[in-house]
Amino acid sequence: MRPLGRGTDHVAYLTDGDLVVRCVEGGDPAGVVREARLLAAVAEISPLAVPKPVRVDPREGCMAYERLPGVPLLEVAPAARAAHAPSVAGAVGGLLRRLNAVALARASELVDVDDFSPGEWLRHAIRYYDRIAEALPSVHRPPVEAFLEATPPRPPGTLALAHNDLGIEHVLVDPDTLQVTGVIDWADAALADPARDLALLYRDLGPAALEACAPREDDALLGRVRFHARCGLLEDLAYGLDEDLRPYVDKSLRALAWLFPA
């Protein structure tokens, strides 16, 4: 096996047989059983490919599945990402609508509730900013500080089934056409604010992506999308700096232009 990637709570390897082996680090090993059950349910409704487990080991916290085609969108050149942002967001938006439409009773059988409030997200964002302020261009610091001092939005009235970690590192695309080929890493899926998934697409792909996948008539939702996108930028920049992951740092600094314009 060779290393394929690492997240905040897992590590993945690729075998010679083109199987991905993904193992929990620092979490509940038995959680892979629930994730496998979720993936089976999502596969039934998703217009996009998701991993299909072929082996689950709850003692070791590992899951094996056939590698999906494509490369993470994070690995695509920024100019190409920007050019294809509407089509990518449109395709992923179709998946999100299917997820959000799952009945709450059914969703609660598959995932836990993530009711982290906007106020709690903001407090975390403040702590991230304390760690990354020196890495931000000075022209963007006043808008960031104004955001951190503002009142957070009200919590959503209803939660929905969500991927809950839908950054572009988890969206796979064909490297030649940039058509979406799948969505990976469902470990954080939860009953959560549906704004969260839209926010991370907006954070990573810009206003054109938000225009392509978010309902324009829901002002409260759009307000939470913008809020979570800004919190998510600070979180991802801190993660990229802490782990010395240049792609995360670069995409976060690039997103300052639309999330914290000078």
Protein backbone atom coordinates (compact mmCIF):
# COMPACT_ATOMS: atom_id res chain seq x y z
CA MET A 1 0.00 0.00 0.00
CA ARG A 2 1.09 3.58 -0.55
CA PRO A 3 -0.19 6.71 1.20
CA LEU A 4 -3.03 8.40 -0.67
CA GLY A 5 -4.03 11.24 1.64
CA ARG A 6 -4.62 12.35 5.20
CA GLY A 7 -7.41 14.35 6.83
CA THR A 8 -7.88 15.70 10.32
CA ASP A 9 -9.20 12.34 11.58
CA HIS A 10 -8.23 9.69 9.04
CA VAL A 11 -5.52 8.40 6.74
CA ALA A 12 -6.02 6.70 3.36
CA TYR A 13 -3.87 4.26 1.42
CA LEU A 14 -4.04 2.89 -2.13
CA THR A 15 -3.40 -0.80 -2.75
CA ASP A 16 -1.97 -2.42 -5.87
CA GLY A 17 -5.44 -3.74 -6.57
CA ASP A 18 -6.79 -0.17 -6.83
CA LEU A 19 -8.61 -0.41 -3.53
CA VAL A 20 -8.63 2.57 -1.18
CA VAL A 21 -8.14 1.62 2.48
CA ARG A 22 -9.25 4.43 4.76
CA CYS A 23 -8.62 4.23 8.52
CA VAL A 24 -9.80 6.35 11.43
CA GLU A 25 -7.19 8.21 13.46
CA GLY A 26 -8.13 9.41 16.92
CA GLY A 27 -11.85 8.69 16.60
CA ASP A 28 -14.28 5.86 17.19
CA PRO A 29 -13.18 2.85 15.08
CA ALA A 30 -16.71 1.43 15.05
CA GLY A 31 -17.89 4.57 13.24
CA VAL A 32 -16.88 2.99 9.95
CA VAL A 33 -19.84 0.61 10.23
CA ARG A 34 -22.26 3.51 10.36
CA GLU A 35 -20.44 5.29 7.53
CA ALA A 36 -20.69 2.16 5.37
CA ARG A 37 -24.42 1.98 6.05
CA LEU A 38 -24.76 5.66 5.12
CA LEU A 39 -22.83 5.18 1.89
CA ALA A 40 -25.15 2.35 0.85
CA ALA A 41 -28.16 4.59 1.44
CA VAL A 42 -26.64 7.59 -0.35
CA ALA A 43 -25.71 5.44 -3.35
CA GLU A 44 -29.40 4.70 -3.88
CA ILE A 45 -30.31 8.38 -4.33
CA SER A 46 -27.13 10.11 -5.46
CA PRO A 47 -26.72 11.30 -9.06
CA LEU A 48 -22.95 11.18 -8.42
CA ALA A 49 -20.75 8.23 -7.53
CA VAL A 50 -19.88 7.65 -3.87
CA PRO A 51 -17.54 5.03 -2.38
CA LYS A 52 -18.98 1.51 -2.16
CA PRO A 53 -17.36 -0.40 0.73
CA VAL A 54 -16.21 -3.94 0.00
CA ARG A 55 -14.70 -4.57 3.43
CA VAL A 56 -15.29 -2.95 6.82
CA ASP A 57 -13.22 -3.64 9.94
CA PRO A 58 -14.77 -1.94 12.99
CA ARG A 59 -11.99 -3.13 15.32
CA GLU A 60 -9.30 -1.32 13.35
CA GLY A 61 -11.60 1.47 12.15
CA CYS A 62 -10.80 0.74 8.50
CA MET A 63 -12.88 0.57 5.35
CA ALA A 64 -11.86 -0.62 1.88
CA TYR A 65 -13.59 0.47 -1.32
CA GLU A 66 -12.82 0.53 -5.02
CA ARG A 67 -11.13 3.74 -6.01
CA LEU A 68 -13.48 6.14 -7.77
CA PRO A 69 -12.27 7.65 -11.05
CA GLY A 70 -11.01 11.20 -11.16
CA VAL A 71 -8.79 13.49 -9.10
CA PRO A 72 -9.67 15.82 -6.21
CA LEU A 73 -10.71 19.21 -7.52
CA LEU A 74 -8.18 20.72 -5.11
CA GLU A 75 -5.44 19.35 -7.38
CA VAL A 76 -6.78 21.17 -10.46
CA ALA A 77 -5.19 24.49 -11.48
CA PRO A 78 -7.07 27.49 -9.98
CA ALA A 79 -7.87 29.03 -13.38
CA ALA A 80 -9.46 25.80 -14.59
CA ARG A 81 -11.39 25.45 -11.31
CA ALA A 82 -12.76 28.96 -11.73
CA ALA A 83 -13.78 28.35 -15.34
CA HIS A 84 -15.73 25.21 -14.41
CA ALA A 85 -17.11 26.43 -11.08
CA PRO A 86 -20.75 26.74 -12.29
CA SER A 87 -20.86 23.27 -13.83
CA VAL A 88 -19.16 21.64 -10.85
CA ALA A 89 -21.42 23.40 -8.36
CA GLY A 90 -24.48 22.57 -10.44
CA ALA A 91 -23.62 18.87 -10.40
CA VAL A 92 -22.85 18.80 -6.69
CA GLY A 93 -25.93 20.91 -6.00
CA GLY A 94 -28.04 18.14 -7.51
CA LEU A 95 -26.61 15.72 -4.96
CA LEU A 96 -27.25 18.16 -2.10
CA ARG A 97 -30.90 18.54 -3.07
CA ARG A 98 -31.31 14.75 -2.95
CA LEU A 99 -29.64 14.58 0.46
CA ASN A 100 -31.62 17.46 1.94
CA ALA A 101 -34.87 15.85 0.76
CA VAL A 102 -34.33 12.66 2.77
CA ALA A 103 -36.97 12.38 5.49
CA LEU A 104 -35.67 13.35 8.90
CA ALA A 105 -36.76 10.05 10.43
CA ARG A 106 -34.74 8.12 7.83
CA ALA A 107 -31.75 10.46 8.11
CA SER A 108 -31.66 10.12 11.89
CA GLU A 109 -31.22 6.35 11.43
CA LEU A 110 -28.08 6.97 9.38
CA VAL A 111 -26.27 9.90 11.02
CA ASP A 112 -26.00 11.89 14.24
CA VAL A 113 -27.19 15.44 14.77
CA ASP A 114 -24.68 18.26 14.34
CA ASP A 115 -26.42 21.29 15.84
CA PHE A 116 -23.26 23.35 16.39
CA SER A 117 -24.69 26.88 16.61
CA PRO A 118 -23.50 29.87 14.55
CA GLY A 119 -22.28 31.45 17.77
CA GLU A 120 -20.06 28.42 18.41
CA TRP A 121 -18.73 28.53 14.85
CA LEU A 122 -17.88 32.19 15.34
CA ARG A 123 -16.01 31.52 18.58
CA HIS A 124 -13.93 28.90 16.81
CA ALA A 125 -13.28 31.31 13.93
CA ILE A 126 -11.96 33.89 16.41
CA ARG A 127 -9.51 31.34 17.78
CA TYR A 128 -8.38 30.42 14.26
CA TYR A 129 -7.83 34.08 13.45
CA ASP A 130 -5.59 34.50 16.47
CA ARG A 131 -3.34 31.81 14.95
CA ILE A 132 -3.33 33.00 11.33
CA ALA A 133 -3.59 36.79 11.46
CA GLU A 134 0.06 37.28 10.53
CA ALA A 135 -0.39 35.13 7.42
CA LEU A 136 -3.18 37.34 6.05
CA PRO A 137 -2.41 40.24 3.74
CA SER A 138 -2.86 43.40 5.79
CA VAL A 139 -5.60 44.78 3.50
CA HIS A 140 -7.86 41.86 4.41
CA ARG A 141 -7.45 42.00 8.17
CA PRO A 142 -9.98 44.80 8.83
CA PRO A 143 -12.82 43.01 6.96
CA VAL A 144 -12.00 39.77 8.80
CA GLU A 145 -11.96 41.53 12.17
CA ALA A 146 -15.25 43.29 11.39
CA PHE A 147 -16.82 39.92 10.59
CA LEU A 148 -15.56 38.40 13.83
CA GLU A 149 -17.06 41.27 15.82
CA ALA A 150 -20.48 41.07 14.12
CA THR A 151 -23.52 39.20 15.39
CA PRO A 152 -23.78 35.68 13.94
CA PRO A 153 -26.92 34.66 12.04
CA ARG A 154 -29.80 32.85 13.67
CA PRO A 155 -29.63 29.03 13.67
CA PRO A 156 -31.57 27.21 10.94
CA GLY A 157 -35.17 26.32 11.63
CA THR A 158 -34.68 22.81 10.23
CA LEU A 159 -31.71 20.50 9.87
CA ALA A 160 -31.19 18.17 6.90
CA LEU A 161 -29.01 15.27 5.85
CA ALA A 162 -25.70 16.81 4.75
CA HIS A 163 -22.23 15.72 3.70
CA ASN A 164 -21.05 18.37 6.17
CA ASP A 165 -17.46 18.65 4.91
CA LEU A 166 -17.85 19.39 1.22
CA GLY A 167 -14.59 21.15 0.40
CA ILE A 168 -13.11 20.66 -3.06
CA GLU A 169 -10.66 18.10 -1.70
CA HIS A 170 -13.67 15.76 -1.47
CA VAL A 171 -15.07 16.43 -4.96
CA LEU A 172 -13.55 14.23 -7.68
CA VAL A 173 -13.42 15.37 -11.31
CA ASP A 174 -12.22 14.01 -14.62
CA PRO A 175 -8.80 15.66 -15.08
CA ASP A 176 -9.46 16.37 -18.77
CA THR A 177 -13.09 17.53 -18.81
CA LEU A 178 -13.50 18.56 -15.13
CA GLN A 179 -16.85 16.81 -15.04
CA VAL A 180 -17.66 15.63 -11.51
CA THR A 181 -17.00 11.91 -11.11
CA GLY A 182 -17.78 11.43 -7.42
CA VAL A 183 -17.87 12.71 -3.85
CA ILE A 184 -15.75 11.09 -1.13
CA ASP A 185 -15.11 11.24 2.64
CA TRP A 186 -18.54 11.00 4.25
CA ALA A 187 -17.25 10.52 7.79
CA ASP A 188 -18.66 13.89 8.97
CA ALA A 189 -22.11 13.46 7.41
CA ALA A 190 -24.83 14.53 9.80
CA LEU A 191 -28.21 16.09 10.29
CA ALA A 192 -26.91 19.62 9.99
CA ASP A 193 -27.53 23.08 8.60
CA PRO A 194 -27.86 22.63 4.80
CA ALA A 195 -26.06 25.97 4.43
CA ARG A 196 -22.81 24.31 5.50
CA ASP A 197 -22.29 22.28 2.30
CA LEU A 198 -23.24 25.21 0.06
CA ALA A 199 -20.89 27.42 2.05
CA LEU A 200 -17.84 25.27 1.42
CA LEU A 201 -18.54 25.18 -2.31
CA TYR A 202 -18.84 28.98 -2.22
CA ARG A 203 -15.66 29.27 -0.17
CA ASP A 204 -13.62 27.13 -2.56
CA LEU A 205 -15.16 27.99 -5.95
CA GLY A 206 -16.43 31.55 -5.60
CA PRO A 207 -19.62 33.50 -6.37
CA ALA A 208 -20.30 31.72 -9.66
CA ALA A 209 -20.60 28.43 -7.78
CA LEU A 210 -23.00 29.93 -5.26
CA GLU A 211 -25.12 31.32 -8.08
CA ALA A 212 -25.27 27.87 -9.69
CA CYS A 213 -26.33 25.81 -6.69
CA ALA A 214 -28.04 27.96 -4.01
CA PRO A 215 -31.72 28.96 -3.98
CA ARG A 216 -31.84 32.72 -4.51
CA GLU A 217 -35.18 33.24 -2.77
CA ASP A 218 -34.03 32.09 0.69
CA ASP A 219 -32.30 35.12 2.21
CA ALA A 220 -31.81 33.48 5.62
CA LEU A 221 -30.12 30.45 4.04
CA LEU A 222 -27.87 32.65 1.90
CA GLY A 223 -26.89 34.65 4.95
CA ARG A 224 -25.82 31.48 6.74
CA VAL A 225 -23.99 30.29 3.61
CA ARG A 226 -21.88 33.44 3.56
CA PHE A 227 -21.29 33.19 7.31
CA HIS A 228 -20.13 29.55 7.16
CA ALA A 229 -17.98 30.23 4.10
CA ARG A 230 -16.08 32.90 6.03
CA CYS A 231 -15.69 30.73 9.12
CA GLY A 232 -14.59 27.86 6.89
CA LEU A 233 -11.92 29.96 5.20
CA LEU A 234 -10.29 30.79 8.53
CA GLU A 235 -10.48 27.13 9.58
CA ASP A 236 -8.94 25.83 6.35
CA LEU A 237 -6.18 28.43 6.37
CA ALA A 238 -5.26 27.44 9.93
CA TYR A 239 -5.27 23.77 8.94
CA GLY A 240 -3.09 24.43 5.89
CA LEU A 241 -0.58 26.43 7.90
CA ASP A 242 -0.49 23.97 10.80
CA GLU A 243 0.02 20.95 8.53
CA ASP A 244 2.16 22.75 5.92
CA LEU A 245 -0.36 21.96 3.16
CA ARG A 246 0.22 24.59 0.50
CA PRO A 247 -2.92 23.84 -1.58
CA TYR A 248 -5.14 24.63 1.43
CA VAL A 249 -3.22 27.82 2.15
CA ASP A 250 -3.33 28.97 -1.47
CA LYS A 251 -7.05 28.36 -1.96
CA SER A 252 -7.83 30.12 1.31
CA LEU A 253 -5.78 33.19 0.43
CA ARG A 254 -7.41 33.27 -3.00
CA ALA A 255 -10.90 33.19 -1.47
CA LEU A 256 -10.20 36.36 0.53
CA ALA A 257 -11.05 38.29 -2.64
CA TRP A 258 -14.75 37.34 -2.50
CA LEU A 259 -15.24 36.53 1.19
CA PHE A 260 -13.30 39.41 2.77
CA PRO A 261 -12.81 41.99 0.00
CA ALA A 262 -10.51 44.86 0.89
